[in-house]
Amino acid sequence: MAELVHLTVVPNVYEADMVCALLRTERIDCDHRPTNMGAAITQGMPSAGHREVLVDETQLERAQEIFAASRDA
């Protein structure tokens, strides 16, 4: 797998899981990680807080198209 690169930031782990599930149905490698946006708001709750969604750099353009289409729907 190539390097993972930034696709978007979403408000929580649940939305990040949904975005990655959508991308994986299209065979796009995806993962997410916590950001430091709003640090201390969540007070240590692992499922709370913004998440950065990452995709395989070779699949970024296709992932952007799929993500944009899902937002328009």
C-alpha atoms as a PDB file:
ATOM      1  CA  MET A   1       0.000   0.000   0.000  1.00  0.00           C
ATOM      2  CA  ALA A   2       1.201   3.497  -0.808  1.00  0.00           C
ATOM      3  CA  GLU A   3       1.397   6.291   1.735  1.00  0.00           C
ATOM      4  CA  LEU A   4      -1.859   7.419   3.355  1.00  0.00           C
ATOM      5  CA  VAL A   5      -2.795  11.049   2.696  1.00  0.00           C
ATOM      6  CA  HIS A   6      -5.454  13.449   3.990  1.00  0.00           C
ATOM      7  CA  LEU A   7      -8.958  13.233   2.503  1.00  0.00           C
ATOM      8  CA  THR A   8     -11.103  15.107   5.026  1.00  0.00           C
ATOM      9  CA  VAL A   9     -11.812  15.779   8.695  1.00  0.00           C
ATOM     10  CA  VAL A  10     -15.117  14.644  10.191  1.00  0.00           C
ATOM     11  CA  PRO A  11     -16.656  15.436  13.589  1.00  0.00           C
ATOM     12  CA  ASN A  12     -16.384  11.995  15.211  1.00  0.00           C
ATOM     13  CA  VAL A  13     -15.274   8.375  14.977  1.00  0.00           C
ATOM     14  CA  TYR A  14     -18.711   7.204  13.880  1.00  0.00           C
ATOM     15  CA  GLU A  15     -18.747   9.435  10.794  1.00  0.00           C
ATOM     16  CA  ALA A  16     -15.140   8.468  10.039  1.00  0.00           C
ATOM     17  CA  ASP A  17     -16.162   4.797  10.143  1.00  0.00           C
ATOM     18  CA  MET A  18     -19.046   5.505   7.755  1.00  0.00           C
ATOM     19  CA  VAL A  19     -16.802   7.387   5.298  1.00  0.00           C
ATOM     20  CA  CYS A  20     -14.232   4.592   5.349  1.00  0.00           C
ATOM     21  CA  ALA A  21     -16.927   1.942   4.920  1.00  0.00           C
ATOM     22  CA  LEU A  22     -18.215   3.771   1.841  1.00  0.00           C
ATOM     23  CA  LEU A  23     -14.718   4.077   0.381  1.00  0.00           C
ATOM     24  CA  ARG A  24     -13.909   0.439   1.080  1.00  0.00           C
ATOM     25  CA  THR A  25     -16.979  -0.658  -0.900  1.00  0.00           C
ATOM     26  CA  GLU A  26     -15.187   0.980  -3.838  1.00  0.00           C
ATOM     27  CA  ARG A  27     -11.929  -0.853  -2.938  1.00  0.00           C
ATOM     28  CA  ILE A  28     -10.217   2.295  -1.676  1.00  0.00           C
ATOM     29  CA  ASP A  29      -7.815   1.790   1.217  1.00  0.00           C
ATOM     30  CA  CYS A  30      -8.870   4.026   4.093  1.00  0.00           C
ATOM     31  CA  ASP A  31      -8.117   4.684   7.743  1.00  0.00           C
ATOM     32  CA  HIS A  32      -8.741   7.461  10.243  1.00  0.00           C
ATOM     33  CA  ARG A  33      -6.997   8.945  13.235  1.00  0.00           C
ATOM     34  CA  PRO A  34      -7.742  11.507  15.933  1.00  0.00           C
ATOM     35  CA  THR A  35      -6.903  15.153  15.395  1.00  0.00           C
ATOM     36  CA  ASN A  36      -6.059  17.759  17.980  1.00  0.00           C
ATOM     37  CA  MET A  37      -9.014  19.929  16.927  1.00  0.00           C
ATOM     38  CA  GLY A  38     -10.970  20.811  20.036  1.00  0.00           C
ATOM     39  CA  ALA A  39      -8.383  19.273  22.327  1.00  0.00           C
ATOM     40  CA  ALA A  40      -9.611  18.826  25.919  1.00  0.00           C
ATOM     41  CA  ILE A  41     -13.273  19.050  24.933  1.00  0.00           C
ATOM     42  CA  THR A  42     -13.632  15.279  24.996  1.00  0.00           C
ATOM     43  CA  GLN A  43     -11.780  14.822  28.293  1.00  0.00           C
ATOM     44  CA  GLY A  44     -10.253  11.509  27.299  1.00  0.00           C
ATOM     45  CA  MET A  45     -13.282   9.898  25.655  1.00  0.00           C
ATOM     46  CA  PRO A  46     -11.753   7.861  22.779  1.00  0.00           C
ATOM     47  CA  SER A  47     -14.800   7.958  20.514  1.00  0.00           C
ATOM     48  CA  ALA A  48     -15.275  11.700  20.747  1.00  0.00           C
ATOM     49  CA  GLY A  49     -13.555  14.418  18.781  1.00  0.00           C
ATOM     50  CA  HIS A  50     -12.663  15.158  15.201  1.00  0.00           C
ATOM     51  CA  ARG A  51     -11.098  12.443  13.038  1.00  0.00           C
ATOM     52  CA  GLU A  52      -8.876  12.829   9.994  1.00  0.00           C
ATOM     53  CA  VAL A  53      -9.796  10.411   7.216  1.00  0.00           C
ATOM     54  CA  LEU A  54      -6.815   9.125   5.252  1.00  0.00           C
ATOM     55  CA  VAL A  55      -6.666   7.265   1.940  1.00  0.00           C
ATOM     56  CA  ASP A  56      -4.017   5.604  -0.192  1.00  0.00           C
ATOM     57  CA  GLU A  57      -2.329   8.426  -2.113  1.00  0.00           C
ATOM     58  CA  THR A  58      -2.738   6.590  -5.420  1.00  0.00           C
ATOM     59  CA  GLN A  59      -6.513   6.496  -4.840  1.00  0.00           C
ATOM     60  CA  LEU A  60      -6.965  10.067  -3.586  1.00  0.00           C
ATOM     61  CA  GLU A  61      -8.637  11.501  -6.681  1.00  0.00           C
ATOM     62  CA  ARG A  62     -11.226   8.713  -6.842  1.00  0.00           C
ATOM     63  CA  ALA A  63     -11.821   8.967  -3.073  1.00  0.00           C
ATOM     64  CA  GLN A  64     -12.456  12.718  -3.421  1.00  0.00           C
ATOM     65  CA  GLU A  65     -15.028  12.060  -6.149  1.00  0.00           C
ATOM     66  CA  ILE A  66     -16.841   9.427  -4.076  1.00  0.00           C
ATOM     67  CA  PHE A  67     -16.781  11.547  -0.928  1.00  0.00           C
ATOM     68  CA  ALA A  68     -18.079  14.625  -2.785  1.00  0.00           C
ATOM     69  CA  ALA A  69     -20.879  12.593  -4.386  1.00  0.00           C
ATOM     70  CA  SER A  70     -21.907  11.233  -0.984  1.00  0.00           C
ATOM     71  CA  ARG A  71     -22.190  14.789   0.353  1.00  0.00           C
ATOM     72  CA  ASP A  72     -24.332  15.873  -2.579  1.00  0.00           C
ATOM     73  CA  ALA A  73     -26.789  12.994  -2.165  1.00  0.00           C
END
